[in-house]
N, C-alpha and C. Protein backbone atom coordinates (compact mmCIF):
# COMPACT_ATOMS: atom_id res chain seq x y z
N UNK A 1 20.71 -19.67 -52.39
CA UNK A 1 20.22 -18.43 -52.98
C UNK A 1 18.69 -18.52 -53.09
N UNK A 2 18.01 -17.45 -52.73
CA UNK A 2 16.54 -17.44 -52.76
C UNK A 2 16.02 -17.36 -54.20
N UNK A 3 14.74 -17.68 -54.34
CA UNK A 3 14.10 -17.58 -55.66
C UNK A 3 14.18 -16.14 -56.16
N UNK A 4 13.86 -15.18 -55.29
CA UNK A 4 13.92 -13.78 -55.69
C UNK A 4 15.32 -13.40 -56.18
N UNK A 5 16.34 -13.83 -55.46
CA UNK A 5 17.71 -13.48 -55.82
C UNK A 5 18.13 -14.09 -57.15
N UNK A 6 17.53 -15.21 -57.51
CA UNK A 6 17.85 -15.85 -58.79
C UNK A 6 17.02 -15.28 -59.93
N UNK A 7 15.78 -14.93 -59.66
CA UNK A 7 14.85 -14.55 -60.73
C UNK A 7 14.87 -13.05 -61.04
N UNK A 8 14.83 -12.21 -60.03
CA UNK A 8 14.66 -10.77 -60.27
C UNK A 8 15.78 -10.13 -61.08
N UNK A 9 17.05 -10.45 -60.84
CA UNK A 9 18.09 -9.89 -61.71
C UNK A 9 17.95 -10.32 -63.17
N UNK A 10 17.48 -11.55 -63.38
CA UNK A 10 17.26 -12.04 -64.75
C UNK A 10 16.15 -11.25 -65.42
N UNK A 11 15.08 -10.97 -64.68
CA UNK A 11 13.98 -10.16 -65.23
C UNK A 11 14.52 -8.80 -65.66
N UNK A 12 15.29 -8.17 -64.80
CA UNK A 12 15.85 -6.85 -65.12
C UNK A 12 16.74 -6.92 -66.36
N UNK A 13 17.59 -7.93 -66.43
CA UNK A 13 18.47 -8.08 -67.61
C UNK A 13 17.67 -8.29 -68.88
N UNK A 14 16.67 -9.16 -68.82
CA UNK A 14 15.87 -9.45 -70.02
C UNK A 14 15.06 -8.23 -70.46
N UNK A 15 14.59 -7.44 -69.52
CA UNK A 15 13.87 -6.22 -69.90
C UNK A 15 14.74 -5.31 -70.75
N UNK A 16 15.99 -5.18 -70.36
CA UNK A 16 16.92 -4.34 -71.12
C UNK A 16 17.25 -4.99 -72.47
N UNK A 17 17.43 -6.32 -72.47
CA UNK A 17 17.80 -7.03 -73.69
C UNK A 17 16.67 -7.13 -74.70
N UNK A 18 15.46 -7.53 -74.23
CA UNK A 18 14.38 -7.84 -75.18
C UNK A 18 13.16 -6.94 -75.04
N UNK A 19 13.04 -6.19 -73.94
CA UNK A 19 11.89 -5.31 -73.73
C UNK A 19 10.70 -6.03 -73.14
N UNK A 20 9.70 -5.24 -72.78
CA UNK A 20 8.49 -5.76 -72.14
C UNK A 20 7.76 -6.77 -73.02
N UNK A 21 7.53 -6.42 -74.27
CA UNK A 21 6.72 -7.26 -75.15
C UNK A 21 7.30 -8.66 -75.34
N UNK A 22 8.61 -8.78 -75.41
CA UNK A 22 9.24 -10.08 -75.66
C UNK A 22 9.69 -10.79 -74.39
N UNK A 23 9.49 -10.16 -73.26
CA UNK A 23 9.82 -10.82 -71.99
C UNK A 23 8.78 -11.90 -71.72
N UNK A 24 9.22 -13.08 -71.36
CA UNK A 24 8.29 -14.16 -71.01
C UNK A 24 8.78 -14.88 -69.77
N UNK A 25 7.84 -15.47 -69.05
CA UNK A 25 8.20 -16.25 -67.87
C UNK A 25 9.05 -17.45 -68.29
N UNK A 26 8.75 -18.00 -69.46
CA UNK A 26 9.54 -19.13 -69.98
C UNK A 26 11.02 -18.72 -70.13
N UNK A 27 11.28 -17.54 -70.69
CA UNK A 27 12.65 -17.06 -70.86
C UNK A 27 13.32 -16.80 -69.51
N UNK A 28 12.56 -16.23 -68.58
CA UNK A 28 13.10 -15.98 -67.23
C UNK A 28 13.47 -17.30 -66.57
N UNK A 29 12.59 -18.29 -66.70
CA UNK A 29 12.86 -19.61 -66.11
C UNK A 29 14.12 -20.23 -66.71
N UNK A 30 14.23 -20.17 -68.03
CA UNK A 30 15.39 -20.77 -68.69
C UNK A 30 16.69 -20.10 -68.27
N UNK A 31 16.68 -18.79 -68.20
CA UNK A 31 17.92 -18.06 -67.88
C UNK A 31 18.27 -18.11 -66.40
N UNK A 32 17.25 -18.19 -65.53
CA UNK A 32 17.51 -18.17 -64.08
C UNK A 32 17.73 -19.56 -63.50
N UNK A 33 17.27 -20.59 -64.23
CA UNK A 33 17.37 -21.95 -63.70
C UNK A 33 16.29 -22.28 -62.68
N UNK A 34 15.28 -21.43 -62.58
CA UNK A 34 14.16 -21.65 -61.67
C UNK A 34 12.99 -22.13 -62.52
N UNK A 35 12.33 -23.19 -62.07
CA UNK A 35 11.22 -23.77 -62.84
C UNK A 35 10.11 -22.75 -63.06
N UNK A 36 9.53 -22.80 -64.25
CA UNK A 36 8.44 -21.89 -64.59
C UNK A 36 7.28 -22.00 -63.60
N UNK A 37 6.97 -23.22 -63.19
CA UNK A 37 5.88 -23.43 -62.22
C UNK A 37 6.19 -22.72 -60.90
N UNK A 38 7.44 -22.74 -60.50
CA UNK A 38 7.84 -22.06 -59.26
C UNK A 38 7.67 -20.55 -59.39
N UNK A 39 8.08 -20.03 -60.53
CA UNK A 39 7.92 -18.59 -60.78
C UNK A 39 6.45 -18.22 -60.79
N UNK A 40 5.62 -19.04 -61.45
CA UNK A 40 4.18 -18.76 -61.52
C UNK A 40 3.50 -18.86 -60.16
N UNK A 41 4.02 -19.70 -59.27
CA UNK A 41 3.45 -19.76 -57.92
C UNK A 41 3.83 -18.51 -57.12
N UNK A 42 5.02 -18.00 -57.35
CA UNK A 42 5.51 -16.84 -56.60
C UNK A 42 4.87 -15.54 -57.10
N UNK A 43 4.71 -15.41 -58.42
CA UNK A 43 4.12 -14.21 -59.03
C UNK A 43 3.03 -14.66 -59.98
N UNK A 44 1.81 -14.20 -59.75
CA UNK A 44 0.66 -14.67 -60.53
C UNK A 44 0.71 -14.24 -62.00
N UNK A 45 1.25 -13.06 -62.27
CA UNK A 45 1.26 -12.55 -63.64
C UNK A 45 2.64 -12.01 -63.99
N UNK A 46 2.86 -11.85 -65.27
CA UNK A 46 4.10 -11.23 -65.75
C UNK A 46 4.24 -9.83 -65.16
N UNK A 47 3.13 -9.10 -65.10
CA UNK A 47 3.18 -7.73 -64.57
C UNK A 47 3.63 -7.72 -63.11
N UNK A 48 3.12 -8.65 -62.30
CA UNK A 48 3.54 -8.71 -60.90
C UNK A 48 5.02 -9.03 -60.79
N UNK A 49 5.49 -9.96 -61.61
CA UNK A 49 6.90 -10.32 -61.61
C UNK A 49 7.77 -9.12 -61.98
N UNK A 50 7.40 -8.45 -63.04
CA UNK A 50 8.18 -7.29 -63.50
C UNK A 50 8.12 -6.17 -62.48
N UNK A 51 6.94 -5.90 -61.96
CA UNK A 51 6.78 -4.84 -60.96
C UNK A 51 7.67 -5.10 -59.76
N UNK A 52 7.68 -6.33 -59.30
CA UNK A 52 8.53 -6.68 -58.16
C UNK A 52 10.00 -6.49 -58.50
N UNK A 53 10.39 -6.86 -59.71
CA UNK A 53 11.79 -6.76 -60.11
C UNK A 53 12.26 -5.32 -60.26
N UNK A 54 11.42 -4.47 -60.84
CA UNK A 54 11.89 -3.11 -61.14
C UNK A 54 11.55 -2.08 -60.07
N UNK A 55 10.56 -2.36 -59.23
CA UNK A 55 10.20 -1.37 -58.21
C UNK A 55 10.26 -1.94 -56.80
N UNK A 56 9.41 -2.91 -56.52
CA UNK A 56 9.28 -3.38 -55.14
C UNK A 56 10.59 -3.86 -54.56
N UNK A 57 11.43 -4.45 -55.39
CA UNK A 57 12.70 -4.97 -54.92
C UNK A 57 13.71 -3.86 -54.63
N UNK A 58 13.46 -2.68 -55.13
CA UNK A 58 14.41 -1.57 -54.99
C UNK A 58 13.90 -0.41 -54.15
N UNK A 59 12.63 -0.15 -54.20
CA UNK A 59 12.06 1.05 -53.60
C UNK A 59 11.50 0.73 -52.22
N UNK A 60 12.01 1.39 -51.22
CA UNK A 60 11.52 1.21 -49.86
C UNK A 60 11.20 2.60 -49.33
N UNK A 61 9.94 2.99 -49.52
CA UNK A 61 9.54 4.34 -49.13
C UNK A 61 9.63 4.54 -47.62
N UNK A 62 9.57 3.46 -46.85
CA UNK A 62 9.69 3.61 -45.40
C UNK A 62 11.08 4.11 -45.02
N UNK A 63 12.07 3.93 -45.90
CA UNK A 63 13.42 4.38 -45.62
C UNK A 63 13.60 5.88 -45.81
N UNK A 64 12.58 6.53 -46.33
CA UNK A 64 12.68 7.97 -46.54
C UNK A 64 12.70 8.64 -45.17
N UNK A 65 13.72 9.46 -44.93
CA UNK A 65 13.95 10.05 -43.62
C UNK A 65 12.89 11.04 -43.20
N UNK A 66 12.60 11.04 -41.91
CA UNK A 66 11.66 12.01 -41.36
C UNK A 66 12.27 12.77 -40.19
N UNK A 67 13.55 12.55 -39.93
CA UNK A 67 14.16 13.16 -38.75
C UNK A 67 14.41 14.65 -38.91
N UNK A 68 14.51 15.13 -40.14
CA UNK A 68 14.70 16.55 -40.39
C UNK A 68 13.64 16.99 -41.40
N UNK A 69 13.14 18.22 -41.28
CA UNK A 69 12.10 18.66 -42.22
C UNK A 69 12.51 18.50 -43.68
N UNK A 70 13.75 18.83 -44.02
CA UNK A 70 14.19 18.71 -45.41
C UNK A 70 14.61 17.31 -45.80
N UNK A 71 14.87 16.45 -44.80
CA UNK A 71 15.35 15.10 -45.08
C UNK A 71 14.36 14.27 -45.87
N UNK A 72 13.11 14.42 -45.58
CA UNK A 72 12.08 13.63 -46.24
C UNK A 72 12.04 13.95 -47.72
N UNK A 73 12.00 15.22 -48.07
CA UNK A 73 11.93 15.60 -49.48
C UNK A 73 13.23 15.27 -50.19
N UNK A 74 14.37 15.44 -49.53
CA UNK A 74 15.66 15.06 -50.14
C UNK A 74 15.66 13.58 -50.51
N UNK A 75 15.25 12.74 -49.57
CA UNK A 75 15.22 11.30 -49.82
C UNK A 75 14.21 10.93 -50.90
N UNK A 76 13.07 11.59 -50.88
CA UNK A 76 12.03 11.31 -51.88
C UNK A 76 12.52 11.65 -53.29
N UNK A 77 13.13 12.80 -53.45
CA UNK A 77 13.65 13.21 -54.76
C UNK A 77 14.76 12.26 -55.20
N UNK A 78 15.67 11.94 -54.29
CA UNK A 78 16.78 11.05 -54.62
C UNK A 78 16.28 9.67 -55.05
N UNK A 79 15.36 9.08 -54.26
CA UNK A 79 14.85 7.76 -54.61
C UNK A 79 14.08 7.79 -55.93
N UNK A 80 13.29 8.82 -56.15
CA UNK A 80 12.52 8.92 -57.40
C UNK A 80 13.46 8.97 -58.59
N UNK A 81 14.50 9.80 -58.50
CA UNK A 81 15.46 9.90 -59.60
C UNK A 81 16.22 8.60 -59.82
N UNK A 82 16.59 7.93 -58.74
CA UNK A 82 17.32 6.67 -58.87
C UNK A 82 16.45 5.60 -59.52
N UNK A 83 15.23 5.47 -59.04
CA UNK A 83 14.34 4.42 -59.56
C UNK A 83 14.09 4.61 -61.04
N UNK A 84 13.72 5.81 -61.45
CA UNK A 84 13.39 6.02 -62.86
C UNK A 84 14.62 6.16 -63.73
N UNK A 85 15.80 6.13 -63.13
CA UNK A 85 17.03 6.13 -63.90
C UNK A 85 17.45 4.75 -64.37
N UNK A 86 16.82 3.71 -63.86
CA UNK A 86 17.19 2.33 -64.24
C UNK A 86 16.65 1.99 -65.63
N UNK A 87 17.50 1.49 -66.53
CA UNK A 87 17.05 1.14 -67.89
C UNK A 87 15.97 0.07 -67.91
N UNK A 88 16.02 -0.87 -66.97
CA UNK A 88 15.00 -1.93 -66.97
C UNK A 88 13.62 -1.36 -66.64
N UNK A 89 13.55 -0.41 -65.72
CA UNK A 89 12.26 0.21 -65.42
C UNK A 89 11.75 1.00 -66.61
N UNK A 90 12.63 1.74 -67.26
CA UNK A 90 12.21 2.50 -68.44
C UNK A 90 11.68 1.56 -69.52
N UNK A 91 12.27 0.39 -69.66
CA UNK A 91 11.81 -0.58 -70.64
C UNK A 91 10.46 -1.18 -70.24
N UNK A 92 10.25 -1.37 -68.96
CA UNK A 92 9.02 -2.00 -68.47
C UNK A 92 7.86 -1.03 -68.36
N UNK A 93 8.13 0.24 -68.25
CA UNK A 93 7.10 1.22 -67.94
C UNK A 93 5.90 1.22 -68.89
N UNK A 94 6.08 1.21 -70.20
CA UNK A 94 4.89 1.20 -71.07
C UNK A 94 3.97 0.01 -70.80
N UNK A 95 4.55 -1.17 -70.63
CA UNK A 95 3.74 -2.35 -70.34
C UNK A 95 3.08 -2.27 -68.98
N UNK A 96 3.81 -1.77 -67.99
CA UNK A 96 3.23 -1.64 -66.66
C UNK A 96 2.09 -0.63 -66.64
N UNK A 97 2.28 0.50 -67.31
CA UNK A 97 1.21 1.51 -67.34
C UNK A 97 -0.04 0.94 -67.99
N UNK A 98 0.13 0.19 -69.06
CA UNK A 98 -1.01 -0.45 -69.72
C UNK A 98 -1.68 -1.45 -68.77
N UNK A 99 -0.87 -2.22 -68.07
CA UNK A 99 -1.41 -3.19 -67.12
C UNK A 99 -2.15 -2.50 -65.98
N UNK A 100 -1.61 -1.40 -65.48
CA UNK A 100 -2.28 -0.67 -64.41
C UNK A 100 -3.66 -0.18 -64.86
N UNK A 101 -3.77 0.19 -66.12
CA UNK A 101 -5.05 0.65 -66.67
C UNK A 101 -6.05 -0.51 -66.67
N UNK A 102 -5.58 -1.70 -67.01
CA UNK A 102 -6.45 -2.88 -67.10
C UNK A 102 -6.66 -3.56 -65.76
N UNK A 103 -5.75 -3.37 -64.82
CA UNK A 103 -5.80 -4.05 -63.53
C UNK A 103 -5.65 -3.04 -62.40
N UNK A 104 -6.75 -2.35 -62.07
CA UNK A 104 -6.67 -1.34 -61.00
C UNK A 104 -6.23 -1.93 -59.66
N UNK A 105 -6.51 -3.20 -59.44
CA UNK A 105 -6.10 -3.84 -58.19
C UNK A 105 -4.59 -3.85 -58.03
N UNK A 106 -3.88 -4.16 -59.11
CA UNK A 106 -2.42 -4.15 -59.07
C UNK A 106 -1.90 -2.74 -58.86
N UNK A 107 -2.51 -1.78 -59.55
CA UNK A 107 -2.11 -0.38 -59.38
C UNK A 107 -2.33 0.07 -57.94
N UNK A 108 -3.48 -0.26 -57.38
CA UNK A 108 -3.78 0.13 -56.00
C UNK A 108 -2.86 -0.57 -55.01
N UNK A 109 -2.52 -1.82 -55.30
CA UNK A 109 -1.60 -2.57 -54.45
C UNK A 109 -0.24 -1.88 -54.41
N UNK A 110 0.24 -1.45 -55.56
CA UNK A 110 1.52 -0.75 -55.62
C UNK A 110 1.44 0.55 -54.83
N UNK A 111 0.42 1.33 -55.10
CA UNK A 111 0.29 2.64 -54.47
C UNK A 111 0.15 2.52 -52.96
N UNK A 112 -0.76 1.65 -52.50
CA UNK A 112 -0.99 1.54 -51.07
C UNK A 112 0.18 0.88 -50.35
N UNK A 113 0.88 0.00 -51.05
CA UNK A 113 2.01 -0.68 -50.42
C UNK A 113 3.25 0.18 -50.30
N UNK A 114 3.43 1.12 -51.21
CA UNK A 114 4.64 1.93 -51.20
C UNK A 114 4.39 3.35 -50.70
N UNK A 115 3.50 4.05 -51.36
CA UNK A 115 3.30 5.46 -51.04
C UNK A 115 2.52 5.66 -49.75
N UNK A 116 1.51 4.84 -49.52
CA UNK A 116 0.69 5.00 -48.33
C UNK A 116 1.49 4.98 -47.03
N UNK A 117 2.32 3.95 -46.81
CA UNK A 117 3.11 3.91 -45.58
C UNK A 117 4.09 5.08 -45.45
N UNK A 118 4.67 5.51 -46.56
CA UNK A 118 5.61 6.64 -46.50
C UNK A 118 4.90 7.92 -46.09
N UNK A 119 3.73 8.14 -46.66
CA UNK A 119 2.97 9.35 -46.32
C UNK A 119 2.51 9.32 -44.87
N UNK A 120 2.07 8.15 -44.43
CA UNK A 120 1.62 8.02 -43.04
C UNK A 120 2.80 8.24 -42.08
N UNK A 121 3.95 7.69 -42.43
CA UNK A 121 5.13 7.85 -41.59
C UNK A 121 5.52 9.33 -41.49
N UNK A 122 5.48 10.03 -42.61
CA UNK A 122 5.79 11.46 -42.60
C UNK A 122 4.81 12.20 -41.69
N UNK A 123 3.53 11.88 -41.80
CA UNK A 123 2.52 12.57 -41.01
C UNK A 123 2.71 12.33 -39.52
N UNK A 124 3.13 11.13 -39.14
CA UNK A 124 3.27 10.78 -37.73
C UNK A 124 4.64 11.16 -37.17
N UNK A 125 5.72 10.86 -37.92
CA UNK A 125 7.06 11.04 -37.38
C UNK A 125 7.75 12.31 -37.86
N UNK A 126 7.30 12.86 -38.95
CA UNK A 126 7.93 14.06 -39.48
C UNK A 126 7.56 15.28 -38.66
N UNK A 127 7.94 16.43 -39.16
CA UNK A 127 7.61 17.65 -38.43
C UNK A 127 6.90 18.64 -39.34
N UNK A 128 5.80 18.21 -39.97
CA UNK A 128 5.08 19.15 -40.81
C UNK A 128 4.41 20.23 -39.97
N UNK A 129 4.33 21.42 -40.51
CA UNK A 129 3.71 22.53 -39.79
C UNK A 129 2.21 22.30 -39.63
N UNK A 130 1.59 21.67 -40.61
CA UNK A 130 0.14 21.45 -40.57
C UNK A 130 -0.13 19.96 -40.49
N UNK A 131 -0.19 19.42 -39.29
CA UNK A 131 -0.43 17.99 -39.11
C UNK A 131 -1.77 17.55 -39.69
N UNK A 132 -2.75 18.45 -39.71
CA UNK A 132 -4.07 18.08 -40.20
C UNK A 132 -4.07 17.72 -41.68
N UNK A 133 -3.10 18.20 -42.43
CA UNK A 133 -3.05 17.86 -43.85
C UNK A 133 -1.71 17.22 -44.24
N UNK A 134 -0.96 16.75 -43.25
CA UNK A 134 0.39 16.22 -43.51
C UNK A 134 0.37 15.02 -44.43
N UNK A 135 -0.55 14.08 -44.23
CA UNK A 135 -0.58 12.89 -45.08
C UNK A 135 -0.96 13.25 -46.51
N UNK A 136 -1.90 14.17 -46.67
CA UNK A 136 -2.28 14.64 -48.01
C UNK A 136 -1.10 15.33 -48.68
N UNK A 137 -0.40 16.18 -47.95
CA UNK A 137 0.78 16.85 -48.50
C UNK A 137 1.84 15.84 -48.91
N UNK A 138 2.06 14.83 -48.07
CA UNK A 138 3.08 13.81 -48.38
C UNK A 138 2.71 13.04 -49.64
N UNK A 139 1.46 12.64 -49.77
CA UNK A 139 1.03 11.93 -50.98
C UNK A 139 1.19 12.81 -52.21
N UNK A 140 0.85 14.08 -52.08
CA UNK A 140 1.01 15.00 -53.21
C UNK A 140 2.48 15.13 -53.59
N UNK A 141 3.36 15.22 -52.60
CA UNK A 141 4.80 15.32 -52.89
C UNK A 141 5.33 14.06 -53.56
N UNK A 142 4.84 12.89 -53.14
CA UNK A 142 5.26 11.64 -53.77
C UNK A 142 4.84 11.63 -55.23
N UNK A 143 3.61 12.05 -55.51
CA UNK A 143 3.13 12.09 -56.90
C UNK A 143 3.97 13.08 -57.72
N UNK A 144 4.22 14.25 -57.16
CA UNK A 144 4.99 15.27 -57.89
C UNK A 144 6.41 14.80 -58.16
N UNK A 145 7.10 14.29 -57.14
CA UNK A 145 8.50 13.88 -57.31
C UNK A 145 8.63 12.67 -58.23
N UNK A 146 7.81 11.65 -57.99
CA UNK A 146 7.88 10.44 -58.82
C UNK A 146 7.43 10.73 -60.24
N UNK A 147 6.37 11.50 -60.39
CA UNK A 147 5.88 11.84 -61.72
C UNK A 147 6.88 12.66 -62.52
N UNK A 148 7.52 13.59 -61.85
CA UNK A 148 8.54 14.40 -62.51
C UNK A 148 9.73 13.53 -62.94
N UNK A 149 10.17 12.65 -62.05
CA UNK A 149 11.30 11.77 -62.37
C UNK A 149 10.94 10.84 -63.53
N UNK A 150 9.72 10.31 -63.52
CA UNK A 150 9.29 9.42 -64.60
C UNK A 150 9.26 10.17 -65.92
N UNK A 151 8.64 11.32 -65.94
CA UNK A 151 8.53 12.09 -67.18
C UNK A 151 9.91 12.46 -67.71
N UNK A 152 10.78 12.94 -66.83
CA UNK A 152 12.11 13.39 -67.26
C UNK A 152 12.97 12.24 -67.78
N UNK A 153 12.88 11.08 -67.15
CA UNK A 153 13.77 9.99 -67.53
C UNK A 153 13.21 9.08 -68.61
N UNK A 154 11.89 9.12 -68.81
CA UNK A 154 11.28 8.21 -69.78
C UNK A 154 10.77 8.95 -71.01
N UNK A 155 10.12 10.07 -70.82
CA UNK A 155 9.47 10.74 -71.94
C UNK A 155 10.25 11.93 -72.48
N UNK A 156 11.01 12.59 -71.64
CA UNK A 156 11.72 13.80 -72.08
C UNK A 156 13.23 13.62 -71.99
N UNK A 157 13.71 12.44 -72.33
CA UNK A 157 15.13 12.14 -72.16
C UNK A 157 16.03 13.05 -72.99
N UNK A 158 15.60 13.42 -74.18
CA UNK A 158 16.44 14.23 -75.06
C UNK A 158 16.61 15.67 -74.57
N UNK A 159 15.64 16.19 -73.85
CA UNK A 159 15.72 17.59 -73.42
C UNK A 159 16.08 17.74 -71.95
N UNK A 160 16.11 16.63 -71.21
CA UNK A 160 16.40 16.72 -69.78
C UNK A 160 17.91 16.64 -69.56
N UNK A 161 18.55 17.78 -69.72
CA UNK A 161 20.00 17.89 -69.52
C UNK A 161 20.30 18.04 -68.03
N UNK A 162 21.56 18.00 -67.68
CA UNK A 162 21.94 18.17 -66.27
C UNK A 162 21.44 19.49 -65.69
N UNK A 163 21.57 20.62 -66.40
CA UNK A 163 21.03 21.87 -65.85
C UNK A 163 19.50 21.80 -65.64
N UNK A 164 18.80 21.13 -66.53
CA UNK A 164 17.35 20.99 -66.37
C UNK A 164 17.06 20.13 -65.14
N UNK A 165 17.76 19.01 -64.99
CA UNK A 165 17.56 18.14 -63.82
C UNK A 165 17.84 18.90 -62.52
N UNK A 166 18.92 19.67 -62.51
CA UNK A 166 19.26 20.45 -61.31
C UNK A 166 18.16 21.45 -60.99
N UNK A 167 17.61 22.10 -62.00
CA UNK A 167 16.54 23.07 -61.77
C UNK A 167 15.27 22.38 -61.29
N UNK A 168 14.98 21.22 -61.86
CA UNK A 168 13.82 20.45 -61.39
C UNK A 168 13.98 20.13 -59.91
N UNK A 169 15.16 19.66 -59.52
CA UNK A 169 15.40 19.35 -58.11
C UNK A 169 15.25 20.59 -57.23
N UNK A 170 15.77 21.74 -57.69
CA UNK A 170 15.62 22.99 -56.93
C UNK A 170 14.14 23.32 -56.73
N UNK A 171 13.35 23.21 -57.79
CA UNK A 171 11.93 23.52 -57.69
C UNK A 171 11.21 22.55 -56.77
N UNK A 172 11.55 21.26 -56.85
CA UNK A 172 10.95 20.28 -55.95
C UNK A 172 11.32 20.58 -54.50
N UNK A 173 12.55 20.99 -54.25
CA UNK A 173 12.95 21.36 -52.90
C UNK A 173 12.18 22.59 -52.41
N UNK A 174 11.94 23.55 -53.29
CA UNK A 174 11.15 24.73 -52.91
C UNK A 174 9.75 24.30 -52.48
N UNK A 175 9.14 23.43 -53.26
CA UNK A 175 7.81 22.94 -52.91
C UNK A 175 7.87 22.18 -51.58
N UNK A 176 8.88 21.33 -51.44
CA UNK A 176 9.04 20.56 -50.21
C UNK A 176 9.21 21.42 -48.98
N UNK A 177 10.01 22.48 -49.10
CA UNK A 177 10.18 23.40 -47.97
C UNK A 177 8.87 24.07 -47.61
N UNK A 178 8.11 24.45 -48.62
CA UNK A 178 6.81 25.08 -48.37
C UNK A 178 5.88 24.12 -47.64
N UNK A 179 5.88 22.88 -48.08
CA UNK A 179 5.03 21.87 -47.45
C UNK A 179 5.49 21.60 -46.01
N UNK A 180 6.79 21.42 -45.82
CA UNK A 180 7.32 21.12 -44.48
C UNK A 180 7.18 22.30 -43.54
N UNK A 181 7.39 23.52 -44.08
CA UNK A 181 7.34 24.71 -43.24
C UNK A 181 5.95 25.25 -43.04
N UNK A 182 5.08 24.93 -43.98
CA UNK A 182 3.72 25.43 -43.90
C UNK A 182 3.63 26.91 -44.17
N UNK A 183 2.45 27.41 -44.10
CA UNK A 183 2.21 28.83 -44.34
C UNK A 183 1.24 29.31 -43.27
N UNK A 184 1.79 29.85 -42.23
CA UNK A 184 0.96 30.26 -41.11
C UNK A 184 0.01 31.39 -41.43
N UNK A 185 0.33 32.22 -42.43
CA UNK A 185 -0.51 33.37 -42.75
C UNK A 185 -1.67 33.01 -43.66
N UNK A 186 -1.47 32.07 -44.55
CA UNK A 186 -2.51 31.76 -45.53
C UNK A 186 -3.46 30.72 -44.97
N UNK A 187 -4.72 30.91 -45.22
CA UNK A 187 -5.73 29.94 -44.83
C UNK A 187 -5.94 28.97 -45.98
N UNK A 188 -6.72 27.92 -45.75
CA UNK A 188 -6.97 26.93 -46.79
C UNK A 188 -7.44 27.61 -48.06
N UNK A 189 -6.75 27.31 -49.16
CA UNK A 189 -7.15 27.82 -50.47
C UNK A 189 -6.68 29.22 -50.76
N UNK A 190 -6.19 29.97 -49.74
CA UNK A 190 -5.71 31.33 -49.99
C UNK A 190 -4.24 31.31 -50.31
N UNK A 191 -3.80 32.23 -51.13
CA UNK A 191 -2.39 32.35 -51.47
C UNK A 191 -1.83 33.60 -50.82
N UNK A 192 -0.49 33.57 -50.60
CA UNK A 192 0.17 34.76 -50.08
C UNK A 192 0.11 35.86 -51.12
N UNK A 193 0.01 37.08 -50.64
CA UNK A 193 0.00 38.22 -51.56
C UNK A 193 1.40 38.60 -51.93
């Protein structure tokens, strides 16, 4: 069994059990049976370890489909909802957000490693109507879908009922169709009448 396979599930379990503040590499080492020094060589900081456990190990933006115009947005919405639906991520999020504020390099590493390739893939392999702004549109859609999923599952849990979630998905699909289909009549910055 690999180090990742032994350590990452333990990190996820401990996040749910004890939360971000009480999670320690020492506790992960004890519960996983992997030496603390080995964990520290693999992940430089607690934030990197947690980030890998709750996001990088699960989220593969390159898997988002580009074969159909609607496929990309469907996959993006589905993955965003799945990721932010995990209790361990919800537990880790406050600590990760604080770390991202203090460590822009880690934040940029996450963004460029996950969202950048997905947006580029959409621009190259997808069928956007406006190729000149396809990568920008894709990045905007990633921010909208992931941000909406994060807010709904972490901050607005009490009010985000199934009908609200369904309506959010409908609205995201409307935006996605507009982005994928483009607007041949409107010029940059102009809106349809």
